[in-house]
Amino acid sequence: MKKNRLAVNLYFFINGFIYANWVSRLPRLQELYEMDNGTTGMVLLTFAIGALVAMPISGWLIVKNGSERMTILFAFLFCSIIPFIAVMGTTFLLSILLFVGGMLTGVMDIGMNAQAVLVEEKYKRPIMSSFHAVFSGGMMTGAGIGALFTKWDTSIFQHFLIITIIALAIALYSSFNLVKDKPSPSTKEENKGLQMPTSALWGIGIIALCCMLGEGAMADWSTIYMNQIANADAALAPIGLGAFSTAMMIGRIFGDKGRVVFGDGKLLIINSLVALFGIALLVTFPTPIMAIIGFFLIGLGLSVIIPIAFSTAGTMEGLAPGVGISMVSTIGYSGFLLGPPIIGFIADWQTLRTGMLFIAFLFVMMTLLTFWNHWK
């Protein structure tokens, strides 16, 4: 069991590590491709669309082939395309590449979460949050490395090539110890790969939508916010993302214990309120230090929401883990379709600070939904 858990943890680490590295260089990518905030939002949108397109069929792919095979295959493919982000030449070609990257990471994400559910079932206690803590650790590490490469003025291609080699080496090492779960063709689960979510899954999915849009906004826009609104210098700007990722990791390290002590319902309410306070601090006091504190509190608040949502969806009666998770992920990830362009357009119309108010509105909605789900 320990080898299985380590292997799945390392795939979660790779996912966060790769993502944080490339988004930490968004200010440089804006210069390289001559993109304003609105164009950046549209380019980021293609990545989200790719993931959203892949997620509904991810459950079917996993039921047909097993989450082990799909996690390995799509992780290798996703890591391999990252260096090309720096050399596409035009925003159109960059958008196509990110669309493909979104599809690849979408299947990888569902596959590794399905693996996490299988490991959690072996342990017979909540451990889902710990996997997402490792993802946040990967984000934190990636943001830190991104800051270093920025400080050293390393070319984006060299930066991305180095982190790709590291990620592929970790993926290869981990591939031998994932949970082998290829189902037999006769299982009933094979016919359940594609279906509409139940009402219970819709409720979980809408909360996940608000959380994932907020989480994605922090990942995509935190470095630019630090640079443009908080007036942080280029080397300090990625630290906002680092603070967010660190808080996510801390919250998820203790998240499983929190689920046992408070229960899922109360913990969702507490964390939603913390995230709401963090975004209020971020938009009210746009200085480097206060922005970093705001990003930290947002990360702490959002930390356990997705692990709880995925754990709940992955153990729904009558559904394979990959199918339930793919349904909630599809609903939740659809928030990324609205988030990047809306924030980008608001930033060009007003400021990025005003764009963050849209995220604050979603956090209010998320908080109300967690109260309603707990007391209904």
Protein backbone atom coordinates (compact mmCIF):
# COMPACT_ATOMS: atom_id res chain seq x y z
CA MET A 1 0.00 0.00 0.00
CA LYS A 2 2.82 2.41 0.86
CA LYS A 3 4.39 1.99 -2.60
CA ASN A 4 1.01 2.65 -4.22
CA ARG A 5 0.51 5.77 -2.12
CA LEU A 6 4.00 7.11 -2.89
CA ALA A 7 3.55 6.52 -6.61
CA VAL A 8 0.20 8.33 -6.73
CA ASN A 9 1.63 11.15 -4.60
CA LEU A 10 4.46 11.64 -7.08
CA TYR A 11 2.02 11.98 -9.98
CA PHE A 12 0.10 14.62 -8.02
CA PHE A 13 3.44 16.38 -7.42
CA ILE A 14 4.30 16.33 -11.14
CA ASN A 15 0.95 17.85 -12.07
CA GLY A 16 1.35 20.80 -9.68
CA PHE A 17 5.07 21.19 -10.38
CA ILE A 18 4.67 21.46 -14.15
CA TYR A 19 1.65 23.77 -14.00
CA ALA A 20 3.17 26.25 -11.53
CA ASN A 21 6.38 26.45 -13.51
CA TRP A 22 4.76 27.55 -16.75
CA VAL A 23 2.15 29.89 -15.26
CA SER A 24 4.86 31.54 -13.14
CA ARG A 25 6.37 32.75 -16.43
CA LEU A 26 3.14 34.29 -17.74
CA PRO A 27 4.47 37.88 -17.53
CA ARG A 28 7.40 36.86 -19.75
CA LEU A 29 5.06 34.94 -22.07
CA GLN A 30 2.94 38.09 -22.36
CA GLU A 31 6.03 39.97 -23.53
CA LEU A 32 7.16 37.17 -25.85
CA TYR A 33 3.78 36.84 -27.59
CA GLU A 34 2.84 40.54 -27.17
CA MET A 35 -0.39 39.74 -25.31
CA ASP A 36 -2.50 42.10 -23.21
CA ASN A 37 -4.59 40.79 -20.29
CA GLY A 38 -7.64 40.11 -22.47
CA THR A 39 -5.62 38.09 -24.98
CA THR A 40 -3.89 36.24 -22.15
CA GLY A 41 -7.30 35.32 -20.75
CA MET A 42 -8.41 33.95 -24.12
CA VAL A 43 -5.21 31.93 -24.51
CA LEU A 44 -5.64 30.48 -21.02
CA LEU A 45 -9.23 29.73 -21.95
CA THR A 46 -8.08 27.28 -24.62
CA PHE A 47 -6.25 25.27 -21.97
CA ALA A 48 -9.44 25.09 -19.90
CA ILE A 49 -11.55 24.15 -22.91
CA GLY A 50 -9.17 21.31 -23.72
CA ALA A 51 -9.45 19.95 -20.18
CA LEU A 52 -13.22 20.36 -20.20
CA VAL A 53 -13.56 18.51 -23.51
CA ALA A 54 -11.47 15.62 -22.17
CA MET A 55 -13.06 15.24 -18.76
CA PRO A 56 -16.47 13.80 -19.77
CA ILE A 57 -14.79 11.00 -21.73
CA SER A 58 -12.08 10.44 -19.11
CA GLY A 59 -14.39 8.22 -17.06
CA TRP A 60 -15.12 6.08 -20.11
CA LEU A 61 -11.41 5.84 -21.00
CA ILE A 62 -10.56 4.82 -17.45
CA VAL A 63 -13.31 2.20 -17.26
CA LYS A 64 -12.15 0.77 -20.60
CA ASN A 65 -8.40 0.86 -19.94
CA GLY A 66 -7.87 1.37 -16.20
CA SER A 67 -6.76 4.50 -14.37
CA GLU A 68 -3.20 3.16 -14.11
CA ARG A 69 -2.63 3.10 -17.87
CA MET A 70 -4.38 6.40 -18.51
CA THR A 71 -2.47 8.21 -15.74
CA ILE A 72 0.90 7.06 -17.05
CA LEU A 73 0.19 7.67 -20.74
CA PHE A 74 -1.33 11.14 -20.39
CA ALA A 75 1.22 12.29 -17.80
CA PHE A 76 4.06 11.49 -20.20
CA LEU A 77 2.30 13.22 -23.09
CA PHE A 78 1.45 16.32 -21.04
CA CYS A 79 4.98 16.78 -19.68
CA SER A 80 6.48 16.34 -23.14
CA ILE A 81 4.67 19.30 -24.74
CA ILE A 82 5.60 21.91 -22.09
CA PRO A 83 8.88 23.16 -23.70
CA PHE A 84 6.98 23.96 -26.91
CA ILE A 85 4.98 26.67 -25.07
CA ALA A 86 8.03 28.91 -25.51
CA VAL A 87 8.52 28.43 -29.27
CA MET A 88 5.07 28.45 -30.93
CA GLY A 89 5.66 31.89 -32.45
CA THR A 90 2.06 33.15 -32.55
CA THR A 91 -0.80 33.29 -30.08
CA PHE A 92 -2.90 31.16 -32.46
CA LEU A 93 -0.42 28.29 -32.43
CA LEU A 94 0.11 28.75 -28.70
CA SER A 95 -3.64 28.43 -28.18
CA ILE A 96 -3.74 25.19 -30.17
CA LEU A 97 -0.88 23.77 -28.12
CA LEU A 98 -2.54 24.75 -24.83
CA PHE A 99 -5.83 23.22 -25.99
CA VAL A 100 -4.03 19.90 -26.53
CA GLY A 101 -2.22 20.35 -23.22
CA GLY A 102 -5.54 20.92 -21.48
CA MET A 103 -6.93 17.69 -22.90
CA LEU A 104 -3.87 15.75 -21.79
CA THR A 105 -3.81 17.14 -18.26
CA GLY A 106 -7.60 16.67 -18.00
CA VAL A 107 -7.34 12.91 -18.46
CA MET A 108 -4.23 12.75 -16.28
CA ASP A 109 -6.07 14.63 -13.52
CA ILE A 110 -9.06 12.26 -13.51
CA GLY A 111 -6.79 9.22 -13.72
CA MET A 112 -4.61 10.16 -10.76
CA ASN A 113 -7.64 11.10 -8.63
CA ALA A 114 -9.22 7.73 -9.46
CA GLN A 115 -5.94 6.13 -8.35
CA ALA A 116 -6.13 8.16 -5.12
CA VAL A 117 -9.65 6.86 -4.42
CA LEU A 118 -8.41 3.28 -4.89
CA VAL A 119 -5.55 3.86 -2.45
CA GLU A 120 -7.93 5.56 0.02
CA GLU A 121 -10.17 2.49 -0.11
CA LYS A 122 -7.17 0.30 0.77
CA TYR A 123 -6.37 2.46 3.81
CA LYS A 124 -10.03 2.53 4.92
CA ARG A 125 -9.71 6.12 6.23
CA PRO A 126 -9.68 9.63 4.72
CA ILE A 127 -6.38 10.32 2.93
CA MET A 128 -7.58 12.10 -0.22
CA SER A 129 -6.58 15.50 1.13
CA SER A 130 -2.99 14.33 1.56
CA PHE A 131 -2.69 13.63 -2.18
CA HIS A 132 -3.88 17.13 -2.98
CA ALA A 133 -1.39 18.43 -0.40
CA VAL A 134 1.36 16.92 -2.50
CA PHE A 135 -0.12 18.59 -5.60
CA SER A 136 0.10 21.91 -3.73
CA GLY A 137 3.63 21.04 -2.70
CA GLY A 138 4.39 20.59 -6.38
CA MET A 139 2.80 23.98 -7.09
CA MET A 140 4.84 25.59 -4.31
CA THR A 141 8.06 24.02 -5.56
CA GLY A 142 7.25 24.94 -9.14
CA ALA A 143 6.50 28.56 -8.21
CA GLY A 144 9.78 28.79 -6.30
CA ILE A 145 11.76 27.35 -9.19
CA GLY A 146 9.93 29.70 -11.56
CA ALA A 147 11.01 32.64 -9.40
CA LEU A 148 14.62 31.43 -9.48
CA PHE A 149 14.68 31.00 -13.25
CA THR A 150 13.12 34.46 -13.58
CA LYS A 151 15.77 35.95 -11.30
CA TRP A 152 18.52 34.22 -13.28
CA ASP A 153 16.95 35.49 -16.52
CA THR A 154 16.93 31.98 -17.96
CA SER A 155 15.21 31.62 -21.32
CA ILE A 156 11.71 30.15 -21.08
CA PHE A 157 12.59 27.24 -23.40
CA GLN A 158 15.59 26.21 -21.29
CA HIS A 159 13.54 26.58 -18.11
CA PHE A 160 10.69 24.44 -19.44
CA LEU A 161 13.01 21.82 -20.92
CA ILE A 162 14.79 21.33 -17.58
CA ILE A 163 11.59 20.92 -15.57
CA THR A 164 10.15 18.56 -18.22
CA ILE A 165 13.17 16.24 -17.93
CA ILE A 166 12.78 16.25 -14.13
CA ALA A 167 9.04 15.52 -14.33
CA LEU A 168 9.47 12.69 -16.87
CA ALA A 169 12.12 11.04 -14.69
CA ILE A 170 9.78 11.14 -11.67
CA ALA A 171 6.87 9.80 -13.74
CA LEU A 172 8.96 6.91 -15.05
CA TYR A 173 10.10 5.97 -11.54
CA SER A 174 6.52 6.07 -10.21
CA SER A 175 4.84 4.22 -13.07
CA PHE A 176 5.73 0.77 -11.74
CA ASN A 177 3.84 1.13 -8.45
CA LEU A 178 0.43 2.54 -9.37
CA VAL A 179 -2.66 0.47 -8.50
CA LYS A 180 -3.41 -1.99 -11.31
CA ASP A 181 -7.12 -1.64 -11.97
CA LYS A 182 -7.99 -2.65 -15.53
CA PRO A 183 -11.56 -4.00 -15.29
CA SER A 184 -12.81 -7.03 -17.15
CA PRO A 185 -14.98 -6.35 -20.21
CA SER A 186 -17.96 -7.93 -18.50
CA THR A 187 -18.20 -5.45 -15.64
CA LYS A 188 -21.31 -3.32 -15.47
CA GLU A 189 -19.18 -0.27 -14.78
CA GLU A 190 -18.02 -0.29 -18.40
CA ASN A 191 -21.45 0.87 -19.53
CA LYS A 192 -21.45 3.74 -17.06
CA GLY A 193 -18.56 5.74 -18.42
CA LEU A 194 -20.78 8.33 -20.11
CA GLN A 195 -23.91 9.57 -18.32
CA MET A 196 -25.48 12.68 -16.81
CA PRO A 197 -24.66 13.62 -13.19
CA THR A 198 -27.21 12.88 -10.49
CA SER A 199 -28.73 15.70 -8.40
CA ALA A 200 -26.31 14.90 -5.58
CA LEU A 201 -23.36 15.17 -7.94
CA TRP A 202 -24.70 18.47 -9.32
CA GLY A 203 -24.64 19.97 -5.81
CA ILE A 204 -21.08 18.85 -5.22
CA GLY A 205 -20.13 19.98 -8.72
CA ILE A 206 -21.37 23.57 -8.32
CA ILE A 207 -19.35 24.00 -5.12
CA ALA A 208 -16.38 22.53 -7.00
CA LEU A 209 -17.03 24.99 -9.85
CA CYS A 210 -16.70 28.02 -7.57
CA CYS A 211 -13.62 26.57 -5.88
CA MET A 212 -11.85 25.47 -9.05
CA LEU A 213 -12.49 28.77 -10.80
CA GLY A 214 -11.02 30.57 -7.80
CA GLU A 215 -8.10 28.18 -7.61
CA GLY A 216 -7.41 28.54 -11.32
CA ALA A 217 -7.67 32.32 -11.12
CA MET A 218 -5.07 32.41 -8.36
CA ALA A 219 -2.76 30.17 -10.38
CA ASP A 220 -3.25 32.04 -13.66
CA TRP A 221 -3.38 35.64 -12.44
CA SER A 222 -1.52 35.83 -9.11
CA THR A 223 1.88 36.56 -10.67
CA ILE A 224 0.42 39.23 -12.95
CA TYR A 225 -1.61 40.70 -10.05
CA MET A 226 1.54 40.93 -7.94
CA ASN A 227 3.37 42.63 -10.79
CA GLN A 228 0.70 45.02 -12.09
CA ILE A 229 -1.48 45.79 -9.06
CA ALA A 230 0.69 45.15 -5.99
CA ASN A 231 3.74 46.65 -7.75
CA ALA A 232 6.05 43.78 -6.84
CA ASP A 233 9.27 43.45 -8.84
CA ALA A 234 9.74 40.59 -11.32
CA ALA A 235 11.59 38.30 -8.90
CA LEU A 236 9.06 38.82 -6.07
CA ALA A 237 5.93 38.49 -8.26
CA PRO A 238 5.85 34.63 -8.32
CA ILE A 239 5.91 34.56 -4.50
CA GLY A 240 2.16 35.29 -4.47
CA LEU A 241 1.62 31.99 -6.26
CA GLY A 242 4.12 30.37 -3.89
CA ALA A 243 2.19 31.64 -0.84
CA PHE A 244 -1.08 30.38 -2.30
CA SER A 245 0.41 26.95 -3.07
CA THR A 246 2.10 26.72 0.35
CA ALA A 247 -1.20 27.43 2.11
CA MET A 248 -2.96 24.87 -0.06
CA MET A 249 -0.36 22.32 0.94
CA ILE A 250 -0.60 23.13 4.66
CA GLY A 251 -4.40 22.99 4.59
CA ARG A 252 -4.37 19.67 2.80
CA ILE A 253 -1.75 18.14 5.09
CA PHE A 254 -4.14 18.66 8.00
CA GLY A 255 -7.30 18.33 5.92
CA ASP A 256 -7.88 14.63 6.51
CA LYS A 257 -7.61 15.17 10.28
CA GLY A 258 -10.03 18.07 9.96
CA ARG A 259 -12.54 15.85 8.15
CA VAL A 260 -12.47 13.40 11.05
CA VAL A 261 -12.79 16.12 13.74
CA PHE A 262 -15.34 18.48 12.14
CA GLY A 263 -16.99 16.38 9.47
CA ASP A 264 -17.08 17.31 5.80
CA GLY A 265 -20.01 19.75 6.08
CA LYS A 266 -18.63 21.97 8.84
CA LEU A 267 -15.13 21.91 7.39
CA LEU A 268 -16.45 23.14 4.02
CA ILE A 269 -18.18 26.07 5.77
CA ILE A 270 -15.08 27.05 7.76
CA ASN A 271 -12.80 26.91 4.76
CA SER A 272 -15.19 28.82 2.51
CA LEU A 273 -15.25 31.67 5.04
CA VAL A 274 -11.43 31.73 5.22
CA ALA A 275 -11.17 31.94 1.42
CA LEU A 276 -13.74 34.76 1.37
CA PHE A 277 -11.75 36.73 3.94
CA GLY A 278 -8.55 36.20 1.94
CA ILE A 279 -9.99 37.56 -1.31
CA ALA A 280 -11.41 40.56 0.59
CA LEU A 281 -7.95 41.29 1.98
CA LEU A 282 -6.37 40.88 -1.46
CA VAL A 283 -8.56 43.44 -3.23
CA THR A 284 -8.74 45.90 -0.31
CA PHE A 285 -5.00 46.23 0.38
CA PRO A 286 -3.04 45.81 -2.91
CA THR A 287 0.50 45.91 -1.55
CA PRO A 288 3.05 43.10 -1.98
CA ILE A 289 2.93 41.95 1.66
CA MET A 290 -0.85 42.16 2.05
CA ALA A 291 -1.37 40.51 -1.34
CA ILE A 292 0.87 37.61 -0.31
CA ILE A 293 -1.13 37.23 2.94
CA GLY A 294 -4.36 37.35 0.93
CA PHE A 295 -3.15 34.67 -1.47
CA PHE A 296 -2.09 32.56 1.52
CA LEU A 297 -5.55 32.76 3.15
CA ILE A 298 -7.29 31.99 -0.14
CA GLY A 299 -5.11 28.90 -0.54
CA LEU A 300 -5.81 27.82 3.03
CA GLY A 301 -9.55 28.24 2.52
CA LEU A 302 -9.76 26.40 -0.79
CA SER A 303 -7.41 23.61 0.28
CA VAL A 304 -9.86 20.88 1.32
CA ILE A 305 -12.88 21.68 -0.85
CA ILE A 306 -11.84 19.73 -3.95
CA PRO A 307 -10.44 16.73 -2.02
CA ILE A 308 -13.77 16.41 -0.19
CA ALA A 309 -15.71 16.81 -3.44
CA PHE A 310 -13.63 14.20 -5.27
CA SER A 311 -13.65 11.76 -2.36
CA THR A 312 -17.44 12.04 -2.13
CA ALA A 313 -17.93 11.67 -5.88
CA GLY A 314 -15.44 8.79 -6.13
CA THR A 315 -17.32 6.72 -3.56
CA MET A 316 -20.85 7.27 -4.88
CA GLU A 317 -22.75 4.00 -4.88
CA GLY A 318 -23.13 2.44 -8.32
CA LEU A 319 -20.39 4.48 -9.98
CA ALA A 320 -16.77 3.63 -10.75
CA PRO A 321 -14.37 6.11 -9.05
CA GLY A 322 -13.21 7.57 -12.35
CA VAL A 323 -16.78 8.11 -13.54
CA GLY A 324 -17.99 10.00 -10.44
CA ILE A 325 -14.85 12.14 -10.34
CA SER A 326 -15.06 12.91 -14.07
CA MET A 327 -18.66 14.16 -13.62
CA VAL A 328 -17.81 16.51 -10.75
CA SER A 329 -14.61 17.61 -12.47
CA THR A 330 -16.51 18.44 -15.66
CA ILE A 331 -18.96 20.64 -13.75
CA GLY A 332 -16.23 22.22 -11.64
CA TYR A 333 -13.72 22.69 -14.42
CA SER A 334 -16.31 24.40 -16.60
CA GLY A 335 -15.72 27.40 -14.34
CA PHE A 336 -12.37 27.77 -16.07
CA LEU A 337 -14.29 28.49 -19.27
CA LEU A 338 -15.63 31.70 -17.74
CA GLY A 339 -12.83 32.65 -15.37
CA PRO A 340 -9.82 33.47 -17.58
CA PRO A 341 -11.61 35.59 -20.20
CA ILE A 342 -13.91 37.36 -17.74
CA ILE A 343 -11.03 38.36 -15.48
CA GLY A 344 -8.95 39.36 -18.49
CA PHE A 345 -11.71 41.47 -20.02
CA ILE A 346 -12.52 43.14 -16.70
CA ALA A 347 -8.81 43.83 -16.22
CA ASP A 348 -8.61 45.55 -19.62
CA TRP A 349 -11.90 47.41 -19.01
CA GLN A 350 -11.05 48.45 -15.45
CA THR A 351 -8.15 46.80 -13.59
CA LEU A 352 -7.11 43.29 -12.57
CA ARG A 353 -8.03 44.34 -9.04
CA THR A 354 -11.62 44.79 -10.19
CA GLY A 355 -11.42 41.43 -11.96
CA MET A 356 -10.66 39.78 -8.63
CA LEU A 357 -14.00 41.05 -7.34
CA PHE A 358 -15.62 38.52 -9.67
CA ILE A 359 -13.79 35.78 -7.75
CA ALA A 360 -15.00 37.33 -4.48
CA PHE A 361 -18.59 37.04 -5.75
CA LEU A 362 -18.06 33.34 -6.51
CA PHE A 363 -16.62 32.76 -3.04
CA VAL A 364 -19.77 34.33 -1.54
CA MET A 365 -21.87 31.93 -3.62
CA MET A 366 -19.68 28.97 -2.60
CA THR A 367 -20.03 29.89 1.09
CA LEU A 368 -23.82 30.09 0.84
CA LEU A 369 -23.96 26.73 -0.94
CA THR A 370 -21.84 25.03 1.72
CA PHE A 371 -24.22 26.37 4.41
CA TRP A 372 -27.21 25.18 2.41
CA ASN A 373 -25.77 21.69 1.78
CA HIS A 374 -24.87 21.31 5.45
CA TRP A 375 -28.23 22.35 6.89
CA LYS A 376 -30.68 21.07 4.27
